[in-house]
Protein backbone atom coordinates (compact mmCIF):
# COMPACT_ATOMS: atom_id res chain seq x y z
CA MET A 1 109.23 109.34 96.89
CA LYS A 2 109.99 105.61 97.60
CA ASN A 3 110.11 105.96 101.32
CA VAL A 4 106.90 107.97 101.31
CA TRP A 5 104.92 105.68 99.27
CA PHE A 6 106.13 102.39 101.21
CA LEU A 7 105.60 104.13 104.57
CA GLU A 8 102.04 104.96 103.41
CA ASN A 9 101.39 101.41 102.18
CA VAL A 10 102.57 99.85 105.53
CA ASN A 11 100.47 102.36 107.72
CA LEU A 12 97.40 101.70 105.55
CA PHE A 13 97.71 98.09 105.65
CA ASN A 14 98.61 97.76 109.58
CA LEU A 15 95.81 100.41 110.44
CA LEU A 16 92.98 99.09 108.25
CA CYS A 17 93.28 95.16 108.00
CA PRO A 18 90.64 93.87 110.41
CA HIS A 19 93.13 90.99 111.13
CA ARG A 20 95.40 93.33 112.74
CA ILE A 21 92.75 94.22 115.34
CA LYS A 22 91.64 91.65 117.75
CA ALA A 23 87.96 92.46 117.82
CA TYR A 24 87.34 91.88 114.33
CA LYS A 25 89.95 89.08 113.59
CA LYS A 26 87.75 85.95 114.36
CA GLU A 27 84.82 87.36 112.16
CA HIS A 28 86.91 88.43 109.19
CA SER A 29 88.04 86.37 106.06
CA PHE A 30 90.01 86.90 103.05
CA GLU A 31 88.88 86.92 99.70
CA GLN A 32 90.38 84.82 96.84
CA TYR A 33 90.31 85.70 93.16
CA ASN A 34 91.46 83.69 90.32
CA LYS A 35 93.39 85.18 87.33
CA ASN A 36 91.04 87.55 85.18
CA ASP A 37 88.41 87.44 87.94
CA PHE A 38 86.86 91.09 88.53
CA VAL A 39 87.18 92.09 91.98
CA TYR A 40 84.49 94.95 91.14
CA LEU A 41 83.11 96.52 87.81
CA ASP A 42 82.24 99.98 86.88
CA GLN A 43 79.19 101.38 88.55
CA ASP A 44 79.22 98.77 91.23
CA GLN A 45 78.41 100.01 94.58
CA ALA A 46 81.50 101.33 96.40
CA ASP A 47 81.12 99.76 99.76
CA LYS A 48 84.61 98.37 100.45
CA VAL A 49 88.19 99.20 100.41
CA TYR A 50 90.76 96.50 99.35
CA LEU A 51 94.10 95.61 100.52
CA ILE A 52 96.17 92.98 98.57
CA ILE A 53 97.77 90.32 100.69
CA LYS A 54 99.29 88.53 97.75
CA GLY A 55 98.76 88.55 94.06
CA LYS A 56 98.29 91.45 91.42
CA VAL A 57 95.17 93.56 90.54
CA LYS A 58 94.73 95.92 87.51
CA ILE A 59 92.76 98.98 87.92
CA SER A 60 91.35 100.19 84.41
CA SER A 61 88.53 102.06 82.66
CA TYR A 62 87.32 102.08 79.10
CA THR A 63 86.92 105.00 76.57
CA GLU A 64 83.73 105.39 74.65
CA ASP A 65 85.53 103.69 71.71
CA GLY A 66 86.04 100.53 73.98
CA GLU A 67 89.76 101.19 74.44
CA GLU A 68 91.21 100.12 77.74
CA ILE A 69 93.09 102.62 79.91
CA VAL A 70 95.18 100.94 82.53
CA LYS A 71 95.43 103.32 85.50
CA ALA A 72 97.47 101.16 87.77
CA ILE A 73 98.95 97.58 88.52
CA LEU A 74 98.96 96.80 92.17
CA THR A 75 100.94 94.07 93.94
CA LYS A 76 101.37 92.87 97.57
CA GLY A 77 100.77 95.41 100.36
CA GLU A 78 99.05 97.94 98.29
CA VAL A 79 95.49 99.15 98.71
CA PHE A 80 92.68 99.97 96.16
CA GLY A 81 89.09 101.27 96.15
CA GLU A 82 89.98 103.80 98.94
CA LEU A 83 87.52 106.42 97.53
CA ALA A 84 84.84 104.24 99.56
CA ALA A 85 86.50 105.86 102.58
CA LEU A 86 85.74 109.53 101.21
CA GLY A 87 82.22 108.93 100.11
CA GLU A 88 82.16 107.52 96.70
CA SER A 89 79.01 105.85 96.15
CA HIS A 90 79.71 103.85 92.83
CA ARG A 91 82.88 102.89 91.08
CA ASN A 92 84.12 104.64 88.07
CA ASP A 93 86.82 101.81 87.02
CA TYR A 94 87.23 98.30 87.11
CA ALA A 95 89.44 96.15 89.30
CA GLN A 96 90.36 92.84 87.84
CA ALA A 97 93.05 90.15 89.43
CA VAL A 98 95.66 89.42 86.82
CA ALA A 99 97.00 86.74 88.76
CA ALA A 100 95.78 84.33 91.52
CA THR A 101 95.18 87.02 94.23
CA THR A 102 94.34 87.15 97.98
CA ILE A 103 92.60 90.20 99.20
CA CYS A 104 91.45 91.88 102.69
CA ALA A 105 88.37 93.76 101.94
CA VAL A 106 86.90 96.15 104.52
CA ASP A 107 83.18 96.89 104.18
CA THR A 108 82.26 100.80 104.99
CA GLN A 109 80.55 100.18 108.05
CA THR A 110 83.71 98.67 109.61
CA LEU A 111 85.76 101.23 107.84
CA GLN A 112 83.82 104.04 109.49
CA THR A 113 84.23 102.44 112.96
CA LEU A 114 88.04 102.09 112.42
CA LEU A 115 88.21 105.62 111.18
CA LYS A 116 86.79 106.99 114.49
CA ASN A 117 89.47 104.81 116.27
CA GLN A 118 92.32 105.38 113.99
CA GLN A 119 92.84 109.11 113.40
CA GLU A 120 95.96 108.54 111.38
CA PHE A 121 94.24 106.61 108.85
CA SER A 122 91.95 109.45 107.73
CA LEU A 123 95.13 111.57 106.92
CA ASN A 124 96.83 108.67 105.20
CA ILE A 125 93.84 108.05 102.84
CA TYR A 126 93.80 111.73 101.79
CA LYS A 127 97.52 111.40 101.06
CA LEU A 128 96.99 108.30 99.08
CA VAL A 129 94.26 109.78 97.16
CA GLY A 130 96.08 112.86 96.27
CA TRP A 131 99.23 110.93 95.24
CA ARG A 132 97.27 108.53 93.10
CA ILE A 133 95.39 111.52 91.34
CA LYS A 134 98.82 113.40 90.52
CA LYS A 135 100.32 110.13 89.40
CA LEU A 136 97.48 109.40 86.96
CA GLU A 137 97.30 112.79 85.68
CA HIS A 138 100.80 112.70 84.88
CA ARG A 139 100.40 109.42 83.10
CA LEU A 140 97.47 110.63 81.11
CA SER A 141 99.27 113.53 79.95
CA LEU A 142 102.16 111.38 78.58
CA LEU A 143 99.64 109.02 76.83
CA MET A 144 98.02 111.95 75.16
CA PHE A 145 100.89 114.23 74.31
CA LYS A 146 104.37 111.88 74.17
CA ASP A 147 105.61 109.43 71.82
CA ALA A 148 106.12 105.81 73.08
CA ARG A 149 109.87 106.00 73.58
CA THR A 150 109.35 108.95 75.97
CA ARG A 151 106.48 107.42 77.70
CA LEU A 152 108.54 104.40 78.54
CA ILE A 153 111.42 106.72 79.55
CA GLU A 154 109.41 108.72 82.02
CA PHE A 155 107.88 105.41 83.29
CA LEU A 156 111.33 104.16 84.16
CA LYS A 157 112.40 107.26 85.53
CA ASN A 158 109.33 107.16 88.00
CA LEU A 159 109.72 103.42 88.86
CA GLY A 160 113.38 104.13 89.63
CA SER A 161 112.29 107.31 92.04
CA GLU A 162 109.53 104.97 93.65
CA GLN A 163 111.08 101.74 93.79
CA GLY A 164 114.63 101.89 92.98
CA GLU A 165 117.88 101.63 95.12
CA ALA A 166 121.22 103.24 94.33
CA LYS A 167 124.01 100.86 93.78
CA GLY A 168 127.34 102.72 92.44
CA ASN A 169 126.55 104.07 89.05
CA THR A 170 123.18 102.43 88.70
CA ILE A 171 119.69 102.63 89.94
CA GLU A 172 118.56 99.15 90.74
CA ILE A 173 114.65 98.25 90.52
CA ASN A 174 113.34 95.07 91.62
CA HIS A 175 109.96 94.93 90.66
CA LEU A 176 106.86 92.45 90.08
CA LEU A 177 105.83 93.90 86.63
CA THR A 178 105.65 91.55 83.70
CA GLN A 179 106.45 93.05 80.29
CA LYS A 180 102.58 93.00 79.41
CA ASP A 181 101.96 94.96 82.71
CA ILE A 182 104.67 97.72 81.55
CA ALA A 183 103.05 97.66 78.14
CA ASP A 184 99.58 98.16 79.22
CA LEU A 185 100.58 100.90 81.53
CA ILE A 186 102.49 103.04 78.82
CA GLY A 187 99.83 102.12 76.15
CA VAL A 188 101.97 100.14 73.61
CA SER A 189 102.04 96.55 72.54
CA ARG A 190 104.52 93.94 73.73
CA PRO A 191 106.71 93.84 70.51
CA THR A 192 106.99 97.56 70.44
CA LEU A 193 107.82 97.68 74.37
CA ASN A 194 110.68 95.05 73.65
CA SER A 195 112.07 97.06 70.72
CA LEU A 196 112.21 100.25 72.90
CA LEU A 197 113.90 98.50 75.89
CA ASN A 198 116.52 96.84 73.44
CA GLU A 199 116.86 100.26 71.98
CA LEU A 200 117.53 102.02 75.26
CA LYS A 201 119.79 99.07 76.19
CA SER A 202 122.06 99.29 73.10
CA GLU A 203 122.45 102.91 74.05
CA GLY A 204 123.72 102.06 77.50
CA MET A 205 120.84 103.75 79.35
CA VAL A 206 119.02 100.65 80.81
CA ASP A 207 119.70 96.87 81.47
CA PHE A 208 117.20 94.60 82.20
CA GLN A 209 116.40 91.01 83.34
CA ARG A 210 112.95 89.30 84.23
CA LYS A 211 112.37 90.99 87.53
CA VAL A 212 115.21 93.67 87.68
CA ILE A 213 115.61 96.91 85.82
CA ARG A 214 118.98 98.89 85.98
CA LEU A 215 119.14 102.36 85.09
CA TYR A 216 122.66 104.02 84.58
CA LYS A 217 122.76 107.39 86.40
CA ASN A 218 125.58 108.81 84.10
CA LYS A 219 123.05 108.54 81.34
CA LEU A 220 119.77 109.69 83.06
CA GLU A 221 120.39 113.43 82.00
CA LEU A 222 120.06 112.09 78.52
CA LEU A 223 116.74 110.66 79.00
CA ALA A 224 113.74 112.54 77.78
CA SER A 225 111.79 114.60 80.29
């Protein structure tokens, strides 16, 4: 999964960003967002696709009771708002910078021109949307039917599959997520997350530092599925 996802990010960025195309480079500028700034809101017109140059963006929605559901936290090289390329007229979620962030925003008119000239991009967009939907459905199922420990274990296993590197008896994950990010993604508080991580560490399943998580492969079969 890691190689597929990385390849799609690179292809989408290289194919879509106008700075990569000489005809658009002079007229196009990057957009800057401070921490907590919204890139777009629910029901805003869906007229752009966004590529993260640096920083971090949270994609979320709210229930009728006002509870936030974090769908994704995206970082450098990742794409969001991609449904605009498939005809979405208005947003059905929120995109918010959770750190100082620089974004390449491509309007739909430019996008349509690029789509005509970049046939590979259309296929990659469909792959990206399908992958995102499948991942979101899995996360929502965990939030609804699994306990906090299982949600964390599944999150770590998925993160290892997507971003991890096998090193001897461990899978080493270098990541840009804070503990708050992870807590938001699995629907728990930070103290609960800390308690669960320490529990898994004491059981010899994981080890963690600020930006590195290690999963012990000889313990993976003991993790809940």
